[in-house]
Protein backbone atom coordinates (compact mmCIF):
# COMPACT_ATOMS: atom_id res chain seq x y z
CA MET A 1 -107.15 -80.12 11.14
CA LEU A 2 -106.49 -76.59 12.29
CA ARG A 3 -106.44 -76.06 15.99
CA PRO A 4 -108.35 -73.12 17.41
CA GLY A 5 -106.03 -70.23 18.09
CA SER A 6 -103.32 -71.58 15.79
CA LYS A 7 -101.40 -69.18 13.59
CA SER A 8 -103.41 -69.19 10.40
CA GLU A 9 -105.07 -66.75 8.08
CA ARG A 10 -108.28 -65.34 9.50
CA LYS A 11 -111.44 -64.23 7.75
CA SER A 12 -114.27 -62.21 9.24
CA VAL A 13 -117.70 -63.74 8.81
CA ARG A 14 -121.20 -62.81 9.87
CA LEU A 15 -122.98 -65.16 12.22
CA SER A 16 -126.41 -65.03 13.75
CA ILE A 17 -126.30 -66.33 17.31
CA ASP A 18 -128.98 -66.24 19.99
CA THR A 19 -128.68 -62.93 21.86
CA ARG A 20 -129.02 -64.51 25.31
CA LEU A 21 -126.25 -66.95 24.52
CA ILE A 22 -123.92 -64.13 23.47
CA GLU A 23 -124.76 -62.14 26.60
CA ASP A 24 -124.11 -65.16 28.83
CA ALA A 25 -120.80 -65.89 27.13
CA LYS A 26 -119.65 -62.27 27.46
CA ALA A 27 -120.72 -62.18 31.11
CA LEU A 28 -118.51 -65.22 31.69
CA ASP A 29 -115.57 -63.57 29.86
CA MET A 30 -115.60 -66.26 27.18
CA ASP A 31 -113.89 -65.71 23.81
CA ILE A 32 -116.83 -66.15 21.44
CA SER A 33 -114.67 -66.30 18.31
CA SER A 34 -112.46 -69.05 19.73
CA LEU A 35 -115.47 -70.99 20.95
CA ALA A 36 -117.18 -70.75 17.56
CA GLU A 37 -113.97 -71.78 15.78
CA ALA A 38 -113.49 -74.77 18.09
CA ALA A 39 -117.10 -75.89 17.60
CA ILE A 40 -116.81 -75.58 13.81
CA ALA A 41 -113.51 -77.48 13.83
CA THR A 42 -115.13 -80.28 15.86
CA ALA A 43 -118.12 -80.43 13.50
CA VAL A 44 -115.86 -80.47 10.41
CA SER A 45 -113.75 -83.27 11.87
CA ALA A 46 -116.83 -85.32 12.74
CA GLU A 47 -118.29 -84.86 9.26
CA LYS A 48 -115.00 -85.81 7.56
CA THR A 49 -114.88 -88.96 9.71
CA ARG A 50 -118.50 -89.81 8.89
CA ARG A 51 -117.90 -89.36 5.17
CA TRP A 52 -114.68 -91.42 5.24
CA GLN A 53 -116.51 -94.23 7.01
CA GLU A 54 -119.36 -94.02 4.51
CA GLU A 55 -116.97 -94.06 1.53
CA ASN A 56 -115.07 -97.02 2.98
CA ARG A 57 -118.06 -98.93 4.41
CA GLU A 58 -117.63 -101.87 2.02
CA ALA A 59 -113.97 -102.39 2.94
CA ILE A 60 -114.66 -101.96 6.66
CA ASP A 61 -117.53 -104.45 6.56
CA SER A 62 -115.44 -106.89 4.55
CA TRP A 63 -112.57 -106.71 7.04
CA ASN A 64 -114.90 -107.09 10.03
CA ASP A 65 -116.48 -110.13 8.37
CA TYR A 66 -113.03 -111.65 7.78
CA VAL A 67 -112.05 -111.13 11.43
CA ARG A 68 -115.35 -112.66 12.63
CA ARG A 69 -114.78 -115.74 10.49
CA HIS A 70 -111.01 -116.19 10.86
CA GLY A 71 -109.94 -114.11 13.88
CA LEU A 72 -107.19 -111.53 13.87
CA PRO A 73 -104.13 -112.26 11.78
CA LEU A 74 -101.06 -112.75 13.98
CA ALA A 75 -103.27 -112.96 17.09
CA LYS A 76 -101.01 -115.67 18.48
CA TYR A 77 -98.23 -113.09 18.80
CA ARG A 78 -100.26 -110.63 20.90
CA LEU A 79 -98.94 -110.05 24.40
CA PHE A 80 -102.34 -109.11 25.89
């Protein structure tokens, strides 16, 4: 995932954002572009995670069922 402010190619886009929100952010000397990029990066990461979990739901459920029935493999070697 790209980190906000990282050296990468940039593209200008048009966004519609509530006027009061923009005014408040400017009054607080906030970098609106960086904030928008960080929020989009967070949303993209969350959606990728959600989709991965959805695509792998059967395997995850199967593994959780195995652990419920048999416990963790090698659990006897855990130090905690």
